[in-house]
Amino acid sequence: MDGSPASDNQGRERQGLALAFASAAAFGTNIVSAQIAGHAGLSGPLLVFYRVLIMLGLVALAALLMRAPLGLSRNERRSVLLFGIATALVGTAYLSSVSYVPVSVAAVIFYTFPVVIVLAEPLLTPAPFRADRLAVALLAFVGIALVVGPDWHGLDPRGLALAALASLSAAVQFFAAAGCARIATVPKLFWSHVVILPVTLVILAVTGGVLPPSAFALAPVAIAITFGGYFIGFLLQILALARIAPGPAGLAFCAEPVFAVLIAALFLGERLGTLQYAGCGLVMAALATNVILEQYRRRPAVA
């Protein structure tokens, strides 16, 4: 078995892509169950606050049981702080945007972040600009636009700005995660949620949606799936971004809305139109092309 550094890197990248796809699937499940909980009267900010609070408690318990050190160096603190702030902005800006524009419009604007990552990667990392990767990102974006079927009526500039902020924050999140890739998973999870929690609490207080945990009895199964999807998705995202660069990682997460639409069709009986099926096909084709291109780039040259 080849144990060379090149072979090890290829193995880590394959693991990273697999983890990113699994994370996208978990987050896709989370979206559908959160929608069900919303229909029961449980707001998005409420779900975000409690899932972050519970995640923080679970990570603290895991650190205690594993006796994992939570200390960070000064440089590590800056990286985790940036990651936590960006993560908080992604959720809060995205959830806030749908108060002003349709969910489909917010989703299309938000999922421009893989294109932003591909364009910014040569400026922020040693990775060179790759026209083929940009073409794949644009193809995936077109597919996502077809999947969510945006309704461009009744737009509000505030909603558009918030969705754009969520997209930019997602791009920052991916680069920040790459910057703290060497930090152990447990302290990274713990301190990032320490940063995220007060932001979500402020949003919840402003929206006036504070409810006791007993309110979860309104939709217990949906709540369990929503929280579980977030816990699994966030953990897998952290693990994926420690193994692959922001560019291919961002493209892998284009699968998230496709998973969400397909899960809604399977479990909620939502019917898909021809354009939505075509969009799913485009996204999957873009993701398959990206995997093939990444493997081709890593292929050793023949002497």
C-alpha atoms as a PDB file:
ATOM      1  CA  MET A   1       0.000   0.000   0.000  1.00  0.00           C
ATOM      2  CA  ASP A   2       1.373   3.402  -0.991  1.00  0.00           C
ATOM      3  CA  GLY A   3       2.036   5.454   2.132  1.00  0.00           C
ATOM      4  CA  SER A   4       3.547   8.466   0.361  1.00  0.00           C
ATOM      5  CA  PRO A   5       2.507  12.010   1.337  1.00  0.00           C
ATOM      6  CA  ALA A   6       0.764  12.444  -2.050  1.00  0.00           C
ATOM      7  CA  SER A   7      -1.266   9.291  -1.481  1.00  0.00           C
ATOM      8  CA  ASP A   8      -2.153  10.410   2.061  1.00  0.00           C
ATOM      9  CA  ASN A   9      -3.299  13.806   0.755  1.00  0.00           C
ATOM     10  CA  GLN A  10      -5.479  12.158  -1.878  1.00  0.00           C
ATOM     11  CA  GLY A  11      -7.035   9.976   0.784  1.00  0.00           C
ATOM     12  CA  ARG A  12      -7.773  12.994   3.000  1.00  0.00           C
ATOM     13  CA  GLU A  13      -9.335  14.862   0.082  1.00  0.00           C
ATOM     14  CA  ARG A  14     -11.567  11.918  -0.799  1.00  0.00           C
ATOM     15  CA  GLN A  15     -12.611  11.687   2.846  1.00  0.00           C
ATOM     16  CA  GLY A  16     -13.249  15.430   2.867  1.00  0.00           C
ATOM     17  CA  LEU A  17     -15.521  15.304  -0.177  1.00  0.00           C
ATOM     18  CA  ALA A  18     -17.454  12.342   1.247  1.00  0.00           C
ATOM     19  CA  LEU A  19     -17.880  14.175   4.570  1.00  0.00           C
ATOM     20  CA  ALA A  20     -18.992  17.347   2.772  1.00  0.00           C
ATOM     21  CA  PHE A  21     -21.680  15.463   0.816  1.00  0.00           C
ATOM     22  CA  ALA A  22     -22.862  13.749   4.008  1.00  0.00           C
ATOM     23  CA  SER A  23     -22.984  17.129   5.769  1.00  0.00           C
ATOM     24  CA  ALA A  24     -25.014  18.610   2.902  1.00  0.00           C
ATOM     25  CA  ALA A  25     -27.476  15.705   3.194  1.00  0.00           C
ATOM     26  CA  ALA A  26     -27.829  16.263   6.965  1.00  0.00           C
ATOM     27  CA  PHE A  27     -28.402  19.987   6.522  1.00  0.00           C
ATOM     28  CA  GLY A  28     -30.916  19.235   3.756  1.00  0.00           C
ATOM     29  CA  THR A  29     -32.868  17.040   6.160  1.00  0.00           C
ATOM     30  CA  ASN A  30     -32.621  19.831   8.739  1.00  0.00           C
ATOM     31  CA  ILE A  31     -34.249  22.323   6.353  1.00  0.00           C
ATOM     32  CA  VAL A  32     -37.302  20.135   5.734  1.00  0.00           C
ATOM     33  CA  SER A  33     -37.885  19.337   9.410  1.00  0.00           C
ATOM     34  CA  ALA A  34     -37.406  23.010  10.369  1.00  0.00           C
ATOM     35  CA  GLN A  35     -40.144  23.887   7.879  1.00  0.00           C
ATOM     36  CA  ILE A  36     -42.481  21.400   9.563  1.00  0.00           C
ATOM     37  CA  ALA A  37     -41.631  22.864  12.976  1.00  0.00           C
ATOM     38  CA  GLY A  38     -42.304  26.350  11.603  1.00  0.00           C
ATOM     39  CA  HIS A  39     -45.793  25.289  10.551  1.00  0.00           C
ATOM     40  CA  ALA A  40     -46.354  24.232  14.167  1.00  0.00           C
ATOM     41  CA  GLY A  41     -45.528  27.754  15.352  1.00  0.00           C
ATOM     42  CA  LEU A  42     -41.853  27.329  16.251  1.00  0.00           C
ATOM     43  CA  SER A  43     -39.821  30.140  14.698  1.00  0.00           C
ATOM     44  CA  GLY A  44     -36.495  29.781  12.946  1.00  0.00           C
ATOM     45  CA  PRO A  45     -34.572  31.969  15.461  1.00  0.00           C
ATOM     46  CA  LEU A  46     -36.016  29.876  18.300  1.00  0.00           C
ATOM     47  CA  LEU A  47     -34.764  26.659  16.706  1.00  0.00           C
ATOM     48  CA  VAL A  48     -31.356  28.192  15.991  1.00  0.00           C
ATOM     49  CA  PHE A  49     -30.915  29.387  19.584  1.00  0.00           C
ATOM     50  CA  TYR A  50     -31.839  26.063  21.186  1.00  0.00           C
ATOM     51  CA  ARG A  51     -29.847  23.940  18.779  1.00  0.00           C
ATOM     52  CA  VAL A  52     -26.735  26.044  19.413  1.00  0.00           C
ATOM     53  CA  LEU A  53     -27.342  25.923  23.189  1.00  0.00           C
ATOM     54  CA  ILE A  54     -27.777  22.141  23.154  1.00  0.00           C
ATOM     55  CA  MET A  55     -24.779  21.670  20.848  1.00  0.00           C
ATOM     56  CA  LEU A  56     -22.627  23.709  23.233  1.00  0.00           C
ATOM     57  CA  GLY A  57     -23.750  21.565  26.164  1.00  0.00           C
ATOM     58  CA  LEU A  58     -23.088  18.331  24.283  1.00  0.00           C
ATOM     59  CA  VAL A  59     -19.603  19.430  23.240  1.00  0.00           C
ATOM     60  CA  ALA A  60     -18.799  20.534  26.810  1.00  0.00           C
ATOM     61  CA  LEU A  61     -19.939  17.123  28.087  1.00  0.00           C
ATOM     62  CA  ALA A  62     -17.869  15.344  25.414  1.00  0.00           C
ATOM     63  CA  ALA A  63     -14.809  17.403  26.366  1.00  0.00           C
ATOM     64  CA  LEU A  64     -15.322  16.473  30.015  1.00  0.00           C
ATOM     65  CA  LEU A  65     -15.734  12.761  29.316  1.00  0.00           C
ATOM     66  CA  MET A  66     -12.831  12.670  26.853  1.00  0.00           C
ATOM     67  CA  ARG A  67     -10.713  14.958  29.046  1.00  0.00           C
ATOM     68  CA  ALA A  68     -10.039  16.946  25.902  1.00  0.00           C
ATOM     69  CA  PRO A  69      -8.168  20.230  26.418  1.00  0.00           C
ATOM     70  CA  LEU A  70     -10.109  23.322  25.334  1.00  0.00           C
ATOM     71  CA  GLY A  71      -7.250  25.826  25.431  1.00  0.00           C
ATOM     72  CA  LEU A  72      -6.375  27.819  22.300  1.00  0.00           C
ATOM     73  CA  SER A  73      -3.296  29.807  21.377  1.00  0.00           C
ATOM     74  CA  ARG A  74      -3.656  33.485  20.473  1.00  0.00           C
ATOM     75  CA  ASN A  75      -3.555  32.801  16.731  1.00  0.00           C
ATOM     76  CA  GLU A  76      -6.048  29.976  17.114  1.00  0.00           C
ATOM     77  CA  ARG A  77      -8.415  32.252  19.030  1.00  0.00           C
ATOM     78  CA  ARG A  78      -8.529  34.707  16.143  1.00  0.00           C
ATOM     79  CA  SER A  79      -9.258  31.938  13.640  1.00  0.00           C
ATOM     80  CA  VAL A  80     -12.032  30.387  15.739  1.00  0.00           C
ATOM     81  CA  LEU A  81     -13.510  33.823  16.519  1.00  0.00           C
ATOM     82  CA  LEU A  82     -13.739  34.628  12.796  1.00  0.00           C
ATOM     83  CA  PHE A  83     -15.239  31.214  12.080  1.00  0.00           C
ATOM     84  CA  GLY A  84     -17.820  31.618  14.866  1.00  0.00           C
ATOM     85  CA  ILE A  85     -18.864  35.124  13.799  1.00  0.00           C
ATOM     86  CA  ALA A  86     -19.161  34.072  10.159  1.00  0.00           C
ATOM     87  CA  THR A  87     -21.216  31.015  11.125  1.00  0.00           C
ATOM     88  CA  ALA A  88     -23.537  33.144  13.275  1.00  0.00           C
ATOM     89  CA  LEU A  89     -24.006  35.636  10.444  1.00  0.00           C
ATOM     90  CA  VAL A  90     -24.834  32.884   7.961  1.00  0.00           C
ATOM     91  CA  GLY A  91     -27.742  31.603  10.034  1.00  0.00           C
ATOM     92  CA  THR A  92     -29.069  34.933  11.288  1.00  0.00           C
ATOM     93  CA  ALA A  93     -28.838  36.794   7.968  1.00  0.00           C
ATOM     94  CA  TYR A  94     -30.350  33.894   6.026  1.00  0.00           C
ATOM     95  CA  LEU A  95     -33.238  33.451   8.473  1.00  0.00           C
ATOM     96  CA  SER A  96     -33.838  37.202   8.586  1.00  0.00           C
ATOM     97  CA  SER A  97     -33.842  37.546   4.793  1.00  0.00           C
ATOM     98  CA  VAL A  98     -36.925  35.364   4.382  1.00  0.00           C
ATOM     99  CA  SER A  99     -38.935  37.918   6.361  1.00  0.00           C
ATOM    100  CA  TYR A 100     -38.611  40.272   3.376  1.00  0.00           C
ATOM    101  CA  VAL A 101     -38.267  38.064   0.273  1.00  0.00           C
ATOM    102  CA  PRO A 102     -39.552  34.597  -0.705  1.00  0.00           C
ATOM    103  CA  VAL A 103     -37.515  31.644   0.560  1.00  0.00           C
ATOM    104  CA  SER A 104     -36.707  30.616  -3.020  1.00  0.00           C
ATOM    105  CA  VAL A 105     -35.197  34.028  -3.827  1.00  0.00           C
ATOM    106  CA  ALA A 106     -33.156  33.993  -0.610  1.00  0.00           C
ATOM    107  CA  ALA A 107     -31.920  30.472  -1.417  1.00  0.00           C
ATOM    108  CA  VAL A 108     -30.784  31.388  -4.933  1.00  0.00           C
ATOM    109  CA  ILE A 109     -28.886  34.442  -3.673  1.00  0.00           C
ATOM    110  CA  PHE A 110     -27.399  32.502  -0.755  1.00  0.00           C
ATOM    111  CA  TYR A 111     -26.094  29.719  -2.972  1.00  0.00           C
ATOM    112  CA  THR A 112     -23.914  32.122  -4.917  1.00  0.00           C
ATOM    113  CA  PHE A 113     -21.356  31.497  -2.150  1.00  0.00           C
ATOM    114  CA  PRO A 114     -19.592  28.636  -4.020  1.00  0.00           C
ATOM    115  CA  VAL A 115     -18.986  31.036  -6.928  1.00  0.00           C
ATOM    116  CA  VAL A 116     -17.677  33.659  -4.470  1.00  0.00           C
ATOM    117  CA  ILE A 117     -15.339  31.056  -2.953  1.00  0.00           C
ATOM    118  CA  VAL A 118     -13.970  29.985  -6.345  1.00  0.00           C
ATOM    119  CA  LEU A 119     -13.316  33.611  -7.333  1.00  0.00           C
ATOM    120  CA  ALA A 120     -11.754  34.540  -3.975  1.00  0.00           C
ATOM    121  CA  GLU A 121      -9.659  31.390  -3.503  1.00  0.00           C
ATOM    122  CA  PRO A 122      -6.720  32.543  -5.705  1.00  0.00           C
ATOM    123  CA  LEU A 123      -6.637  35.848  -3.775  1.00  0.00           C
ATOM    124  CA  LEU A 124      -6.764  34.378  -0.278  1.00  0.00           C
ATOM    125  CA  THR A 125      -4.909  31.073  -0.685  1.00  0.00           C
ATOM    126  CA  PRO A 126      -1.968  29.753  -2.736  1.00  0.00           C
ATOM    127  CA  ALA A 127      -4.442  27.899  -4.999  1.00  0.00           C
ATOM    128  CA  PRO A 128      -4.379  29.141  -8.610  1.00  0.00           C
ATOM    129  CA  PHE A 129      -7.508  30.340 -10.400  1.00  0.00           C
ATOM    130  CA  ARG A 130      -9.219  27.482 -12.261  1.00  0.00           C
ATOM    131  CA  ALA A 131     -11.630  28.370 -15.044  1.00  0.00           C
ATOM    132  CA  ASP A 132     -13.031  24.830 -15.066  1.00  0.00           C
ATOM    133  CA  ARG A 133     -13.914  25.059 -11.369  1.00  0.00           C
ATOM    134  CA  LEU A 134     -15.685  28.385 -11.970  1.00  0.00           C
ATOM    135  CA  ALA A 135     -17.614  26.831 -14.859  1.00  0.00           C
ATOM    136  CA  VAL A 136     -18.676  23.953 -12.597  1.00  0.00           C
ATOM    137  CA  ALA A 137     -19.757  26.413  -9.866  1.00  0.00           C
ATOM    138  CA  LEU A 138     -21.855  28.399 -12.350  1.00  0.00           C
ATOM    139  CA  LEU A 139     -23.430  25.195 -13.679  1.00  0.00           C
ATOM    140  CA  ALA A 140     -24.336  24.156 -10.136  1.00  0.00           C
ATOM    141  CA  PHE A 141     -25.790  27.602  -9.457  1.00  0.00           C
ATOM    142  CA  VAL A 142     -28.028  27.405 -12.529  1.00  0.00           C
ATOM    143  CA  GLY A 143     -29.166  23.969 -11.362  1.00  0.00           C
ATOM    144  CA  ILE A 144     -29.986  25.318  -7.886  1.00  0.00           C
ATOM    145  CA  ALA A 145     -31.978  28.181  -9.420  1.00  0.00           C
ATOM    146  CA  LEU A 146     -34.053  25.624 -11.320  1.00  0.00           C
ATOM    147  CA  VAL A 147     -34.479  23.407  -8.247  1.00  0.00           C
ATOM    148  CA  VAL A 148     -35.832  26.114  -5.927  1.00  0.00           C
ATOM    149  CA  GLY A 149     -37.774  27.896  -8.696  1.00  0.00           C
ATOM    150  CA  PRO A 150     -37.422  31.472  -7.427  1.00  0.00           C
ATOM    151  CA  ASP A 151     -40.405  33.815  -7.410  1.00  0.00           C
ATOM    152  CA  TRP A 152     -39.039  37.280  -8.160  1.00  0.00           C
ATOM    153  CA  HIS A 153     -42.233  39.150  -7.207  1.00  0.00           C
ATOM    154  CA  GLY A 154     -42.545  41.312  -4.093  1.00  0.00           C
ATOM    155  CA  LEU A 155     -38.818  41.830  -3.577  1.00  0.00           C
ATOM    156  CA  ASP A 156     -37.535  44.009  -0.750  1.00  0.00           C
ATOM    157  CA  PRO A 157     -33.983  45.447  -0.853  1.00  0.00           C
ATOM    158  CA  ARG A 158     -33.509  44.524   2.810  1.00  0.00           C
ATOM    159  CA  GLY A 159     -34.141  40.856   2.075  1.00  0.00           C
ATOM    160  CA  LEU A 160     -31.811  40.890  -0.915  1.00  0.00           C
ATOM    161  CA  ALA A 161     -29.073  42.546   1.151  1.00  0.00           C
ATOM    162  CA  LEU A 162     -29.477  40.052   4.006  1.00  0.00           C
ATOM    163  CA  ALA A 163     -29.351  37.063   1.628  1.00  0.00           C
ATOM    164  CA  ALA A 164     -26.224  38.527   0.010  1.00  0.00           C
ATOM    165  CA  LEU A 165     -24.690  39.002   3.480  1.00  0.00           C
ATOM    166  CA  ALA A 166     -25.446  35.354   4.265  1.00  0.00           C
ATOM    167  CA  SER A 167     -23.707  34.306   1.034  1.00  0.00           C
ATOM    168  CA  LEU A 168     -20.601  36.378   1.760  1.00  0.00           C
ATOM    169  CA  SER A 169     -20.579  35.126   5.358  1.00  0.00           C
ATOM    170  CA  ALA A 170     -20.714  31.527   4.128  1.00  0.00           C
ATOM    171  CA  ALA A 171     -17.682  32.180   1.942  1.00  0.00           C
ATOM    172  CA  VAL A 172     -15.835  33.692   4.919  1.00  0.00           C
ATOM    173  CA  GLN A 173     -16.896  30.701   7.024  1.00  0.00           C
ATOM    174  CA  PHE A 174     -15.268  28.259   4.601  1.00  0.00           C
ATOM    175  CA  PHE A 175     -12.006  30.200   4.440  1.00  0.00           C
ATOM    176  CA  ALA A 176     -11.971  30.678   8.219  1.00  0.00           C
ATOM    177  CA  ALA A 177     -12.527  26.937   8.699  1.00  0.00           C
ATOM    178  CA  ALA A 178      -9.553  26.250   6.441  1.00  0.00           C
ATOM    179  CA  GLY A 179      -7.513  28.675   8.569  1.00  0.00           C
ATOM    180  CA  CYS A 180      -8.235  26.716  11.755  1.00  0.00           C
ATOM    181  CA  ALA A 181      -8.008  23.264  10.164  1.00  0.00           C
ATOM    182  CA  ARG A 182      -5.159  22.236  12.482  1.00  0.00           C
ATOM    183  CA  ILE A 183      -7.171  22.940  15.640  1.00  0.00           C
ATOM    184  CA  ALA A 184      -8.638  19.842  17.269  1.00  0.00           C
ATOM    185  CA  THR A 185     -12.325  19.226  16.599  1.00  0.00           C
ATOM    186  CA  VAL A 186     -13.625  19.452  20.190  1.00  0.00           C
ATOM    187  CA  PRO A 187     -12.194  22.895  21.102  1.00  0.00           C
ATOM    188  CA  LYS A 188     -13.111  24.194  17.656  1.00  0.00           C
ATOM    189  CA  LEU A 189     -16.728  23.093  18.114  1.00  0.00           C
ATOM    190  CA  PHE A 190     -16.870  24.397  21.687  1.00  0.00           C
ATOM    191  CA  TRP A 191     -15.462  27.876  21.181  1.00  0.00           C
ATOM    192  CA  SER A 192     -17.214  28.496  17.863  1.00  0.00           C
ATOM    193  CA  HIS A 193     -20.547  27.831  19.583  1.00  0.00           C
ATOM    194  CA  VAL A 194     -19.539  30.057  22.499  1.00  0.00           C
ATOM    195  CA  VAL A 195     -19.258  32.820  19.877  1.00  0.00           C
ATOM    196  CA  ILE A 196     -22.459  31.861  18.042  1.00  0.00           C
ATOM    197  CA  LEU A 197     -24.718  31.584  21.114  1.00  0.00           C
ATOM    198  CA  PRO A 198     -24.925  35.269  22.160  1.00  0.00           C
ATOM    199  CA  VAL A 199     -25.608  36.341  18.573  1.00  0.00           C
ATOM    200  CA  THR A 200     -28.521  33.941  18.297  1.00  0.00           C
ATOM    201  CA  LEU A 201     -29.805  35.039  21.715  1.00  0.00           C
ATOM    202  CA  VAL A 202     -29.861  38.687  20.598  1.00  0.00           C
ATOM    203  CA  ILE A 203     -31.740  37.776  17.413  1.00  0.00           C
ATOM    204  CA  LEU A 204     -34.254  35.738  19.402  1.00  0.00           C
ATOM    205  CA  ALA A 205     -34.793  38.595  21.865  1.00  0.00           C
ATOM    206  CA  VAL A 206     -35.281  41.122  19.055  1.00  0.00           C
ATOM    207  CA  THR A 207     -37.793  38.936  17.237  1.00  0.00           C
ATOM    208  CA  GLY A 208     -39.688  38.362  20.478  1.00  0.00           C
ATOM    209  CA  GLY A 209     -39.925  34.651  19.838  1.00  0.00           C
ATOM    210  CA  VAL A 210     -38.660  33.397  23.210  1.00  0.00           C
ATOM    211  CA  LEU A 211     -40.484  30.210  24.218  1.00  0.00           C
ATOM    212  CA  PRO A 212     -39.681  27.591  26.879  1.00  0.00           C
ATOM    213  CA  PRO A 213     -38.409  24.140  25.807  1.00  0.00           C
ATOM    214  CA  SER A 214     -41.870  22.750  26.556  1.00  0.00           C
ATOM    215  CA  ALA A 215     -43.013  24.352  23.286  1.00  0.00           C
ATOM    216  CA  PHE A 216     -41.144  21.600  21.444  1.00  0.00           C
ATOM    217  CA  ALA A 217     -44.052  19.293  22.293  1.00  0.00           C
ATOM    218  CA  LEU A 218     -45.876  20.977  19.394  1.00  0.00           C
ATOM    219  CA  ALA A 219     -43.680  19.078  16.916  1.00  0.00           C
ATOM    220  CA  PRO A 220     -41.378  16.662  18.789  1.00  0.00           C
ATOM    221  CA  VAL A 221     -40.338  14.522  15.805  1.00  0.00           C
ATOM    222  CA  ALA A 222     -39.593  17.531  13.613  1.00  0.00           C
ATOM    223  CA  ILE A 223     -37.606  19.131  16.445  1.00  0.00           C
ATOM    224  CA  ALA A 224     -35.569  15.963  16.996  1.00  0.00           C
ATOM    225  CA  ILE A 225     -34.751  15.738  13.286  1.00  0.00           C
ATOM    226  CA  THR A 226     -33.972  19.461  13.073  1.00  0.00           C
ATOM    227  CA  PHE A 227     -31.550  19.364  15.979  1.00  0.00           C
ATOM    228  CA  GLY A 228     -30.045  16.032  14.929  1.00  0.00           C
ATOM    229  CA  GLY A 229     -29.567  17.247  11.347  1.00  0.00           C
ATOM    230  CA  TYR A 230     -27.768  20.329  12.616  1.00  0.00           C
ATOM    231  CA  PHE A 231     -25.550  18.438  15.080  1.00  0.00           C
ATOM    232  CA  ILE A 232     -24.512  15.859  12.485  1.00  0.00           C
ATOM    233  CA  GLY A 233     -24.255  18.351   9.636  1.00  0.00           C
ATOM    234  CA  PHE A 234     -22.123  20.843  11.554  1.00  0.00           C
ATOM    235  CA  LEU A 235     -19.772  18.168  12.891  1.00  0.00           C
ATOM    236  CA  LEU A 236     -19.305  16.666   9.433  1.00  0.00           C
ATOM    237  CA  GLN A 237     -18.792  20.130   7.968  1.00  0.00           C
ATOM    238  CA  ILE A 238     -16.016  20.835  10.479  1.00  0.00           C
ATOM    239  CA  LEU A 239     -14.355  17.509   9.647  1.00  0.00           C
ATOM    240  CA  ALA A 240     -14.711  18.074   5.893  1.00  0.00           C
ATOM    241  CA  LEU A 241     -13.258  21.590   5.936  1.00  0.00           C
ATOM    242  CA  ALA A 242     -10.228  20.300   7.839  1.00  0.00           C
ATOM    243  CA  ARG A 243      -9.473  17.988   4.891  1.00  0.00           C
ATOM    244  CA  ILE A 244     -10.309  19.855   1.681  1.00  0.00           C
ATOM    245  CA  ALA A 245      -9.830  23.362   0.340  1.00  0.00           C
ATOM    246  CA  PRO A 246     -12.696  25.899   0.333  1.00  0.00           C
ATOM    247  CA  GLY A 247     -13.240  25.641  -3.452  1.00  0.00           C
ATOM    248  CA  PRO A 248     -14.182  21.955  -3.781  1.00  0.00           C
ATOM    249  CA  ALA A 249     -15.898  22.057  -0.372  1.00  0.00           C
ATOM    250  CA  GLY A 250     -18.175  24.911  -1.422  1.00  0.00           C
ATOM    251  CA  LEU A 251     -19.154  23.066  -4.584  1.00  0.00           C
ATOM    252  CA  ALA A 252     -19.972  19.915  -2.604  1.00  0.00           C
ATOM    253  CA  PHE A 253     -22.423  21.889  -0.463  1.00  0.00           C
ATOM    254  CA  CYS A 254     -24.396  22.812  -3.579  1.00  0.00           C
ATOM    255  CA  ALA A 255     -25.993  19.404  -3.051  1.00  0.00           C
ATOM    256  CA  GLU A 256     -27.783  20.653   0.090  1.00  0.00           C
ATOM    257  CA  PRO A 257     -30.872  22.211  -1.591  1.00  0.00           C
ATOM    258  CA  VAL A 258     -31.138  19.193  -3.894  1.00  0.00           C
ATOM    259  CA  PHE A 259     -31.236  16.870  -0.887  1.00  0.00           C
ATOM    260  CA  ALA A 260     -33.827  19.144   0.748  1.00  0.00           C
ATOM    261  CA  VAL A 261     -36.120  19.130  -2.294  1.00  0.00           C
ATOM    262  CA  LEU A 262     -35.833  15.363  -2.773  1.00  0.00           C
ATOM    263  CA  ILE A 263     -36.485  14.684   0.937  1.00  0.00           C
ATOM    264  CA  ALA A 264     -39.528  16.967   0.820  1.00  0.00           C
ATOM    265  CA  ALA A 265     -40.795  15.066  -2.223  1.00  0.00           C
ATOM    266  CA  LEU A 266     -40.297  11.684  -0.546  1.00  0.00           C
ATOM    267  CA  PHE A 267     -41.612  12.415   2.939  1.00  0.00           C
ATOM    268  CA  LEU A 268     -43.930  15.404   2.497  1.00  0.00           C
ATOM    269  CA  GLY A 269     -45.413  14.438  -0.830  1.00  0.00           C
ATOM    270  CA  GLU A 270     -44.300  17.650  -2.535  1.00  0.00           C
ATOM    271  CA  ARG A 271     -44.414  17.263  -6.303  1.00  0.00           C
ATOM    272  CA  LEU A 272     -41.419  18.213  -8.430  1.00  0.00           C
ATOM    273  CA  GLY A 273     -41.788  19.869 -11.805  1.00  0.00           C
ATOM    274  CA  THR A 274     -39.782  19.134 -14.920  1.00  0.00           C
ATOM    275  CA  LEU A 275     -37.504  22.131 -14.346  1.00  0.00           C
ATOM    276  CA  GLN A 276     -36.787  21.000 -10.787  1.00  0.00           C
ATOM    277  CA  TYR A 277     -35.770  17.544 -11.983  1.00  0.00           C
ATOM    278  CA  ALA A 278     -33.601  19.192 -14.641  1.00  0.00           C
ATOM    279  CA  GLY A 279     -32.037  21.399 -11.955  1.00  0.00           C
ATOM    280  CA  CYS A 280     -31.275  18.368  -9.770  1.00  0.00           C
ATOM    281  CA  GLY A 281     -29.615  16.753 -12.775  1.00  0.00           C
ATOM    282  CA  LEU A 282     -27.517  19.841 -13.475  1.00  0.00           C
ATOM    283  CA  VAL A 283     -26.329  20.082  -9.872  1.00  0.00           C
ATOM    284  CA  MET A 284     -25.440  16.387  -9.739  1.00  0.00           C
ATOM    285  CA  ALA A 285     -23.649  16.655 -13.096  1.00  0.00           C
ATOM    286  CA  ALA A 286     -21.673  19.642 -11.803  1.00  0.00           C
ATOM    287  CA  LEU A 287     -20.720  17.812  -8.605  1.00  0.00           C
ATOM    288  CA  ALA A 288     -19.683  14.675 -10.515  1.00  0.00           C
ATOM    289  CA  THR A 289     -17.609  16.805 -12.892  1.00  0.00           C
ATOM    290  CA  ASN A 290     -15.921  18.513  -9.958  1.00  0.00           C
ATOM    291  CA  VAL A 291     -15.001  15.165  -8.361  1.00  0.00           C
ATOM    292  CA  ILE A 292     -13.594  13.896 -11.670  1.00  0.00           C
ATOM    293  CA  LEU A 293     -11.581  17.082 -12.205  1.00  0.00           C
ATOM    294  CA  GLU A 294     -10.191  16.984  -8.668  1.00  0.00           C
ATOM    295  CA  GLN A 295      -9.104  13.365  -9.128  1.00  0.00           C
ATOM    296  CA  TYR A 296      -7.558  14.202 -12.514  1.00  0.00           C
ATOM    297  CA  ARG A 297      -5.541  17.069 -11.035  1.00  0.00           C
ATOM    298  CA  ARG A 298      -4.147  14.785  -8.336  1.00  0.00           C
ATOM    299  CA  ARG A 299      -3.132  12.068 -10.825  1.00  0.00           C
ATOM    300  CA  PRO A 300       0.666  11.725 -10.821  1.00  0.00           C
ATOM    301  CA  ALA A 301       2.390  12.672 -14.043  1.00  0.00           C
ATOM    302  CA  VAL A 302       3.836   9.845 -16.119  1.00  0.00           C
ATOM    303  CA  ALA A 303       7.574  10.196 -16.618  1.00  0.00           C
END
